[in-house]
N, C-alpha and C. Protein backbone atom coordinates (compact mmCIF):
# COMPACT_ATOMS: atom_id res chain seq x y z
N UNK A 1 0.84 -1.17 0.00
CA UNK A 1 0.00 0.00 0.00
C UNK A 1 0.88 1.23 0.00
N UNK A 2 0.70 2.11 -0.99
CA UNK A 2 1.48 3.32 -1.08
C UNK A 2 0.71 4.46 -0.46
N UNK A 3 1.39 5.33 0.24
CA UNK A 3 0.79 6.55 0.78
C UNK A 3 1.43 7.73 0.08
N UNK A 4 0.65 8.51 -0.60
CA UNK A 4 1.13 9.70 -1.29
C UNK A 4 0.22 10.85 -0.94
N UNK A 5 0.73 12.08 -0.93
CA UNK A 5 -0.17 13.20 -0.68
C UNK A 5 -1.10 13.39 -1.87
N UNK A 6 -2.34 13.74 -1.62
CA UNK A 6 -3.27 13.90 -2.72
C UNK A 6 -4.12 15.15 -2.55
N UNK A 7 -4.41 15.74 -3.62
CA UNK A 7 -5.26 16.90 -3.59
C UNK A 7 -6.57 16.46 -4.14
N UNK A 8 -7.47 16.37 -3.32
CA UNK A 8 -8.77 15.95 -3.76
C UNK A 8 -9.57 17.18 -4.02
N UNK A 9 -8.99 18.10 -4.67
CA UNK A 9 -9.75 19.26 -5.01
C UNK A 9 -10.97 18.70 -5.61
N UNK A 10 -11.49 17.96 -5.02
CA UNK A 10 -12.70 17.20 -5.06
C UNK A 10 -12.38 15.80 -5.27
N UNK A 11 -11.19 15.54 -5.54
CA UNK A 11 -11.03 14.13 -5.65
C UNK A 11 -9.62 13.67 -5.59
N UNK A 12 -8.64 14.45 -5.73
CA UNK A 12 -7.33 13.90 -5.61
C UNK A 12 -6.25 14.81 -5.22
N UNK A 13 -5.08 14.28 -5.47
CA UNK A 13 -3.96 14.98 -4.96
C UNK A 13 -3.08 15.52 -6.01
N UNK A 14 -2.22 16.33 -5.50
CA UNK A 14 -1.32 17.04 -6.35
C UNK A 14 -0.01 16.33 -6.43
N UNK A 15 -0.03 15.11 -6.77
CA UNK A 15 1.21 14.43 -6.93
C UNK A 15 1.31 14.05 -8.38
N UNK A 16 2.46 14.17 -8.92
CA UNK A 16 2.59 13.88 -10.34
C UNK A 16 3.64 12.82 -10.56
N UNK A 17 3.20 11.78 -11.22
CA UNK A 17 4.11 10.75 -11.65
C UNK A 17 4.12 10.83 -13.15
N UNK A 18 5.26 10.98 -13.74
CA UNK A 18 5.32 11.15 -15.19
C UNK A 18 4.78 9.92 -15.88
N UNK A 19 3.92 10.15 -16.86
CA UNK A 19 3.36 9.07 -17.64
C UNK A 19 3.78 9.29 -19.07
N UNK A 20 4.36 8.32 -19.65
CA UNK A 20 4.77 8.45 -21.04
C UNK A 20 3.64 8.08 -21.96
N UNK A 21 3.81 8.41 -23.22
CA UNK A 21 2.89 7.98 -24.25
C UNK A 21 1.54 8.66 -24.20
N UNK A 22 1.49 9.97 -24.25
CA UNK A 22 0.21 10.65 -24.21
C UNK A 22 -0.43 10.77 -25.58
N UNK A 23 0.13 10.10 -26.56
CA UNK A 23 -0.47 10.08 -27.88
C UNK A 23 -0.43 11.42 -28.58
N UNK A 24 0.44 12.32 -28.13
CA UNK A 24 0.58 13.60 -28.79
C UNK A 24 -0.48 14.62 -28.41
N UNK A 25 -1.33 14.29 -27.44
CA UNK A 25 -2.35 15.24 -27.04
C UNK A 25 -1.74 16.30 -26.15
N UNK A 26 -2.40 17.45 -26.11
CA UNK A 26 -1.93 18.49 -25.20
C UNK A 26 -2.19 18.07 -23.76
N UNK A 27 -1.56 18.76 -22.81
CA UNK A 27 -1.61 18.36 -21.40
C UNK A 27 -3.04 18.32 -20.86
N UNK A 28 -3.92 19.20 -21.32
CA UNK A 28 -5.27 19.20 -20.81
C UNK A 28 -6.13 18.12 -21.44
N UNK A 29 -5.74 17.63 -22.59
CA UNK A 29 -6.50 16.58 -23.25
C UNK A 29 -7.72 17.13 -23.94
N UNK A 30 -8.45 16.25 -24.61
CA UNK A 30 -9.62 16.68 -25.38
C UNK A 30 -10.77 17.06 -24.47
N UNK A 31 -11.57 18.03 -24.91
CA UNK A 31 -12.80 18.35 -24.23
C UNK A 31 -12.66 19.19 -22.98
N UNK A 32 -11.49 19.68 -22.66
CA UNK A 32 -11.33 20.47 -21.44
C UNK A 32 -11.19 21.92 -21.81
N UNK A 33 -11.97 22.76 -21.14
CA UNK A 33 -11.88 24.18 -21.41
C UNK A 33 -11.78 24.95 -20.11
N UNK A 34 -11.09 26.05 -20.13
CA UNK A 34 -11.02 26.92 -18.97
C UNK A 34 -10.17 26.38 -17.83
N UNK A 35 -9.92 27.23 -16.86
CA UNK A 35 -9.06 26.88 -15.74
C UNK A 35 -9.68 25.88 -14.80
N UNK A 36 -10.99 25.72 -14.80
CA UNK A 36 -11.61 24.80 -13.86
C UNK A 36 -11.72 23.40 -14.42
N UNK A 37 -11.37 23.19 -15.67
CA UNK A 37 -11.44 21.85 -16.24
C UNK A 37 -12.84 21.47 -16.67
N UNK A 38 -13.71 22.41 -16.83
CA UNK A 38 -15.07 22.10 -17.26
C UNK A 38 -15.02 21.44 -18.62
N UNK A 39 -15.89 20.48 -18.82
CA UNK A 39 -15.82 19.69 -20.03
C UNK A 39 -16.71 20.22 -21.14
N UNK A 40 -16.28 19.90 -22.35
CA UNK A 40 -17.07 20.22 -23.52
C UNK A 40 -17.15 19.02 -24.42
N UNK A 41 -16.97 17.82 -23.88
CA UNK A 41 -17.00 16.60 -24.65
C UNK A 41 -15.71 15.84 -24.43
N UNK A 42 -15.76 14.52 -24.60
CA UNK A 42 -14.58 13.69 -24.41
C UNK A 42 -14.48 12.67 -25.52
N UNK A 43 -13.32 12.03 -25.63
CA UNK A 43 -13.15 10.98 -26.62
C UNK A 43 -13.94 9.74 -26.24
N UNK A 44 -13.95 9.38 -24.95
CA UNK A 44 -14.65 8.20 -24.47
C UNK A 44 -16.06 8.55 -24.09
N UNK A 45 -16.76 7.58 -23.52
CA UNK A 45 -18.12 7.81 -23.11
C UNK A 45 -18.22 7.68 -21.61
N UNK A 46 -18.56 8.74 -20.95
CA UNK A 46 -18.76 8.74 -19.50
C UNK A 46 -20.19 9.14 -19.21
N UNK A 47 -20.83 8.48 -18.23
CA UNK A 47 -22.18 8.88 -17.88
C UNK A 47 -22.19 10.29 -17.31
N UNK A 48 -23.32 10.92 -17.30
CA UNK A 48 -23.38 12.29 -16.79
C UNK A 48 -24.54 12.47 -15.82
N UNK A 49 -24.41 13.50 -15.01
CA UNK A 49 -25.48 13.97 -14.16
C UNK A 49 -26.15 12.94 -13.28
N UNK A 50 -27.41 12.65 -13.56
CA UNK A 50 -28.24 11.83 -12.71
C UNK A 50 -27.72 10.40 -12.54
N UNK A 51 -26.92 9.93 -13.47
CA UNK A 51 -26.40 8.57 -13.38
C UNK A 51 -25.14 8.46 -12.52
N UNK A 52 -24.68 9.56 -11.98
CA UNK A 52 -23.44 9.57 -11.20
C UNK A 52 -23.71 9.22 -9.74
N UNK A 53 -22.70 8.61 -9.11
CA UNK A 53 -22.77 8.19 -7.71
C UNK A 53 -22.32 9.35 -6.82
N UNK A 54 -23.07 9.62 -5.77
CA UNK A 54 -22.71 10.66 -4.82
C UNK A 54 -21.88 10.04 -3.70
N UNK A 55 -20.58 10.35 -3.67
CA UNK A 55 -19.67 9.80 -2.66
C UNK A 55 -19.41 10.78 -1.52
N UNK A 56 -20.12 11.90 -1.51
CA UNK A 56 -19.89 12.89 -0.47
C UNK A 56 -20.31 12.39 0.91
N UNK A 57 -21.18 11.40 0.99
CA UNK A 57 -21.63 10.86 2.26
C UNK A 57 -20.79 9.70 2.76
N UNK A 58 -19.70 9.38 2.08
CA UNK A 58 -18.87 8.25 2.45
C UNK A 58 -17.95 8.53 3.64
N UNK A 59 -17.95 9.73 4.14
CA UNK A 59 -17.11 10.07 5.29
C UNK A 59 -15.85 10.81 4.87
N UNK A 60 -14.79 10.66 5.66
CA UNK A 60 -13.56 11.42 5.43
C UNK A 60 -12.80 10.94 4.20
N UNK A 61 -13.10 9.74 3.72
CA UNK A 61 -12.42 9.20 2.53
C UNK A 61 -13.39 8.27 1.78
N UNK A 62 -13.11 8.07 0.51
CA UNK A 62 -13.88 7.13 -0.30
C UNK A 62 -12.91 6.34 -1.17
N UNK A 63 -13.41 5.25 -1.75
CA UNK A 63 -12.58 4.36 -2.57
C UNK A 63 -13.18 4.21 -3.96
N UNK A 64 -12.31 4.26 -4.97
CA UNK A 64 -12.72 3.85 -6.32
C UNK A 64 -11.78 2.74 -6.75
N UNK A 65 -12.24 1.92 -7.68
CA UNK A 65 -11.45 0.79 -8.17
C UNK A 65 -11.18 0.95 -9.66
N UNK A 66 -10.04 0.47 -10.07
CA UNK A 66 -9.68 0.38 -11.47
C UNK A 66 -9.71 -1.11 -11.78
N UNK A 67 -10.70 -1.55 -12.53
CA UNK A 67 -10.82 -2.97 -12.82
C UNK A 67 -11.48 -3.19 -14.17
N UNK A 68 -10.98 -4.19 -14.87
CA UNK A 68 -11.48 -4.52 -16.21
C UNK A 68 -11.45 -3.30 -17.12
N UNK A 69 -10.37 -2.51 -16.99
CA UNK A 69 -10.18 -1.29 -17.79
C UNK A 69 -11.32 -0.30 -17.63
N UNK A 70 -11.85 -0.18 -16.40
CA UNK A 70 -12.89 0.79 -16.10
C UNK A 70 -12.63 1.41 -14.74
N UNK A 71 -13.13 2.64 -14.55
CA UNK A 71 -13.18 3.27 -13.24
C UNK A 71 -14.49 2.83 -12.60
N UNK A 72 -14.45 2.38 -11.36
CA UNK A 72 -15.66 1.92 -10.68
C UNK A 72 -15.78 2.66 -9.36
N UNK A 73 -16.71 3.60 -9.24
CA UNK A 73 -17.65 4.06 -10.28
C UNK A 73 -16.94 4.96 -11.29
N UNK A 74 -17.53 5.10 -12.46
CA UNK A 74 -16.90 5.92 -13.50
C UNK A 74 -17.51 7.32 -13.60
N UNK A 75 -18.46 7.59 -12.74
CA UNK A 75 -19.06 8.91 -12.68
C UNK A 75 -19.47 9.15 -11.23
N UNK A 76 -18.88 10.17 -10.61
CA UNK A 76 -19.19 10.40 -9.20
C UNK A 76 -18.97 11.84 -8.79
N UNK A 77 -19.55 12.16 -7.64
CA UNK A 77 -19.39 13.46 -7.00
C UNK A 77 -18.65 13.24 -5.70
N UNK A 78 -17.67 14.08 -5.41
CA UNK A 78 -16.89 13.99 -4.17
C UNK A 78 -16.64 15.40 -3.65
N UNK A 79 -16.30 15.48 -2.38
CA UNK A 79 -16.04 16.76 -1.75
C UNK A 79 -14.54 17.00 -1.66
N UNK A 80 -14.15 18.26 -1.79
CA UNK A 80 -12.73 18.62 -1.69
C UNK A 80 -12.16 18.31 -0.32
N UNK A 81 -13.01 18.07 0.65
CA UNK A 81 -12.54 17.77 2.00
C UNK A 81 -12.34 16.28 2.24
N UNK A 82 -12.62 15.44 1.25
CA UNK A 82 -12.46 13.99 1.41
C UNK A 82 -11.11 13.52 0.90
N UNK A 83 -10.61 12.45 1.51
CA UNK A 83 -9.45 11.74 0.99
C UNK A 83 -9.92 10.70 -0.02
N UNK A 84 -8.97 10.09 -0.72
CA UNK A 84 -9.32 9.10 -1.73
C UNK A 84 -8.37 7.92 -1.67
N UNK A 85 -8.92 6.74 -1.92
CA UNK A 85 -8.12 5.54 -2.15
C UNK A 85 -8.48 5.04 -3.54
N UNK A 86 -7.46 4.80 -4.36
CA UNK A 86 -7.67 4.27 -5.70
C UNK A 86 -7.01 2.91 -5.74
N UNK A 87 -7.79 1.86 -5.95
CA UNK A 87 -7.30 0.48 -5.95
C UNK A 87 -7.21 -0.01 -7.39
N UNK A 88 -6.03 -0.45 -7.81
CA UNK A 88 -5.86 -1.06 -9.13
C UNK A 88 -6.03 -2.57 -8.97
N UNK A 89 -7.21 -3.07 -9.30
CA UNK A 89 -7.53 -4.49 -9.18
C UNK A 89 -7.11 -5.29 -10.41
N UNK A 90 -6.55 -4.63 -11.41
CA UNK A 90 -6.12 -5.31 -12.63
C UNK A 90 -4.67 -5.74 -12.55
N UNK A 91 -4.26 -6.54 -13.50
CA UNK A 91 -2.88 -7.02 -13.58
C UNK A 91 -2.04 -6.16 -14.51
N UNK A 92 -2.53 -4.96 -14.82
CA UNK A 92 -1.81 -4.04 -15.70
C UNK A 92 -1.74 -2.66 -15.06
N UNK A 93 -0.78 -1.85 -15.50
CA UNK A 93 -0.62 -0.48 -15.02
C UNK A 93 -1.79 0.38 -15.47
N UNK A 94 -2.33 1.16 -14.54
CA UNK A 94 -3.36 2.14 -14.86
C UNK A 94 -2.89 3.52 -14.42
N UNK A 95 -3.63 4.52 -14.87
CA UNK A 95 -3.33 5.91 -14.57
C UNK A 95 -4.62 6.60 -14.16
N UNK A 96 -4.50 7.57 -13.28
CA UNK A 96 -5.62 8.39 -12.83
C UNK A 96 -5.24 9.83 -13.13
N UNK A 97 -5.79 10.38 -14.20
CA UNK A 97 -5.51 11.75 -14.60
C UNK A 97 -6.80 12.55 -14.59
N UNK A 98 -6.79 13.66 -13.88
CA UNK A 98 -7.91 14.57 -13.86
C UNK A 98 -7.57 15.68 -14.85
N UNK A 99 -8.19 15.65 -16.02
CA UNK A 99 -7.84 16.59 -17.07
C UNK A 99 -8.09 18.03 -16.64
N UNK A 100 -7.18 18.90 -17.07
CA UNK A 100 -7.27 20.31 -16.74
C UNK A 100 -6.64 20.64 -15.39
N UNK A 101 -6.02 19.63 -14.74
CA UNK A 101 -5.36 19.83 -13.46
C UNK A 101 -3.97 19.17 -13.52
N UNK A 102 -3.23 19.30 -12.44
CA UNK A 102 -1.92 18.64 -12.38
C UNK A 102 -2.01 17.23 -11.78
N UNK A 103 -3.20 16.74 -11.54
CA UNK A 103 -3.37 15.40 -10.96
C UNK A 103 -3.12 14.37 -12.04
N UNK A 104 -2.09 13.57 -11.83
CA UNK A 104 -1.62 12.59 -12.81
C UNK A 104 -0.88 11.51 -12.05
N UNK A 105 -1.55 10.40 -11.76
CA UNK A 105 -0.98 9.37 -10.89
C UNK A 105 -1.01 8.01 -11.57
N UNK A 106 0.13 7.32 -11.60
CA UNK A 106 0.18 5.93 -12.05
C UNK A 106 -0.07 5.02 -10.85
N UNK A 107 -0.86 3.97 -11.06
CA UNK A 107 -1.11 2.99 -10.01
C UNK A 107 -0.71 1.63 -10.58
N UNK A 108 0.38 1.04 -10.06
CA UNK A 108 0.85 -0.26 -10.55
C UNK A 108 -0.18 -1.37 -10.33
N UNK A 109 -0.04 -2.47 -11.06
CA UNK A 109 -0.97 -3.60 -10.91
C UNK A 109 -1.03 -4.08 -9.46
N UNK A 110 -2.25 -4.30 -8.96
CA UNK A 110 -2.44 -4.82 -7.61
C UNK A 110 -2.11 -3.85 -6.50
N UNK A 111 -1.80 -2.60 -6.80
CA UNK A 111 -1.40 -1.62 -5.80
C UNK A 111 -2.55 -0.66 -5.55
N UNK A 112 -2.37 0.24 -4.59
CA UNK A 112 -3.35 1.27 -4.34
C UNK A 112 -2.67 2.58 -4.02
N UNK A 113 -3.40 3.64 -4.29
CA UNK A 113 -2.95 5.01 -4.03
C UNK A 113 -3.84 5.57 -2.94
N UNK A 114 -3.23 6.13 -1.90
CA UNK A 114 -3.99 6.76 -0.81
C UNK A 114 -3.64 8.23 -0.75
N UNK A 115 -4.63 9.06 -0.77
CA UNK A 115 -4.37 10.48 -0.72
C UNK A 115 -5.20 11.19 0.33
N UNK A 116 -4.59 12.20 0.89
CA UNK A 116 -5.26 13.03 1.88
C UNK A 116 -5.87 14.24 1.19
N UNK A 117 -6.98 14.75 1.72
CA UNK A 117 -7.62 15.91 1.09
C UNK A 117 -6.77 17.18 1.24
N UNK A 118 -6.79 17.98 0.21
CA UNK A 118 -6.16 19.29 0.24
C UNK A 118 -7.12 20.23 -0.48
N UNK A 119 -8.10 20.70 0.25
CA UNK A 119 -9.12 21.57 -0.33
C UNK A 119 -8.47 22.84 -0.87
N UNK A 120 -9.00 23.35 -1.97
CA UNK A 120 -8.54 24.60 -2.53
C UNK A 120 -7.54 24.47 -3.65
N UNK A 121 -7.05 23.27 -3.91
CA UNK A 121 -6.08 23.09 -4.98
C UNK A 121 -6.78 22.93 -6.33
N UNK A 122 -7.93 22.28 -6.33
CA UNK A 122 -8.72 22.11 -7.54
C UNK A 122 -10.04 22.84 -7.30
N UNK A 123 -10.42 23.69 -8.23
CA UNK A 123 -11.67 24.42 -8.09
C UNK A 123 -12.86 23.48 -8.21
N UNK A 124 -13.95 23.79 -7.51
CA UNK A 124 -15.18 23.01 -7.69
C UNK A 124 -15.60 23.06 -9.15
N UNK A 125 -16.15 21.95 -9.65
CA UNK A 125 -16.60 21.90 -11.02
C UNK A 125 -16.62 20.49 -11.55
N UNK A 126 -16.84 20.36 -12.83
CA UNK A 126 -16.93 19.10 -13.54
C UNK A 126 -15.61 18.81 -14.25
N UNK A 127 -15.07 17.60 -14.07
CA UNK A 127 -13.79 17.22 -14.67
C UNK A 127 -13.88 15.87 -15.37
N UNK A 128 -13.08 15.71 -16.39
CA UNK A 128 -12.96 14.44 -17.09
C UNK A 128 -11.81 13.67 -16.46
N UNK A 129 -12.06 12.41 -16.16
CA UNK A 129 -11.08 11.50 -15.58
C UNK A 129 -10.68 10.50 -16.65
N UNK A 130 -9.37 10.28 -16.84
CA UNK A 130 -8.92 9.32 -17.84
C UNK A 130 -7.78 8.46 -17.31
N UNK A 131 -7.64 7.28 -17.90
CA UNK A 131 -6.43 6.49 -17.78
C UNK A 131 -5.70 6.73 -19.09
N UNK A 132 -4.58 7.43 -19.03
CA UNK A 132 -3.87 7.80 -20.25
C UNK A 132 -3.40 6.59 -21.05
N UNK A 133 -3.27 5.45 -20.40
CA UNK A 133 -2.81 4.26 -21.10
C UNK A 133 -3.94 3.52 -21.82
N UNK A 134 -5.17 3.82 -21.50
CA UNK A 134 -6.27 3.06 -22.06
C UNK A 134 -7.37 3.94 -22.66
N UNK A 135 -6.95 5.05 -23.31
CA UNK A 135 -7.88 5.89 -24.04
C UNK A 135 -8.16 5.26 -25.40
N UNK A 136 -9.31 5.43 -25.95
CA UNK A 136 -10.36 6.33 -25.50
C UNK A 136 -11.37 5.67 -24.57
N UNK A 137 -11.24 4.40 -24.27
CA UNK A 137 -12.27 3.68 -23.52
C UNK A 137 -12.32 3.91 -22.04
N UNK A 138 -11.19 4.15 -21.37
CA UNK A 138 -11.18 4.25 -19.92
C UNK A 138 -11.30 5.72 -19.52
N UNK A 139 -12.56 6.16 -19.41
CA UNK A 139 -12.89 7.56 -19.17
C UNK A 139 -13.95 7.63 -18.07
N UNK A 140 -13.90 8.67 -17.28
CA UNK A 140 -14.91 8.89 -16.26
C UNK A 140 -15.20 10.35 -16.10
N UNK A 141 -16.05 10.66 -15.13
CA UNK A 141 -16.45 12.03 -14.88
C UNK A 141 -16.52 12.26 -13.37
N UNK A 142 -15.97 13.38 -12.94
CA UNK A 142 -15.98 13.72 -11.51
C UNK A 142 -16.55 15.13 -11.35
N UNK A 143 -17.46 15.26 -10.43
CA UNK A 143 -17.93 16.57 -10.03
C UNK A 143 -17.33 16.84 -8.65
N UNK A 144 -16.56 17.90 -8.56
CA UNK A 144 -15.89 18.26 -7.33
C UNK A 144 -16.72 19.33 -6.62
N UNK A 145 -17.07 19.03 -5.39
CA UNK A 145 -17.83 19.98 -4.59
C UNK A 145 -16.92 20.71 -3.62
N UNK A 146 -17.37 21.82 -3.10
CA UNK A 146 -16.58 22.64 -2.18
C UNK A 146 -16.30 21.90 -0.88
């Protein structure tokens, strides 16, 4: 189990692990506009709005899983005051990138990432979540609350 600082400006931390092979895309990726990372469309398909899971009631921290090349859940709302655990249940390397922010974390096979909340680093809003290694299919959506 790895412990790294995380900025969950609604969902994660400000730790950056360099990920190679971004396919020539710009750092913000497709569909991201403005400083808050608000979306205007993505390459993959992520559910929106009413189909998203509200994780704000999970307490001081919540967990998401990376399994079968999907984020589980792949659409959720979280609070900037919550910590996060990201579990890679697959036998391959995955990545957790919040487009439009500096959040870019690799999670090795069978490992997990634990992050503490750091409110104020990521503005509240809607963000696209991707695994840079498995685009365009491994995409999600996060709504960050204050």
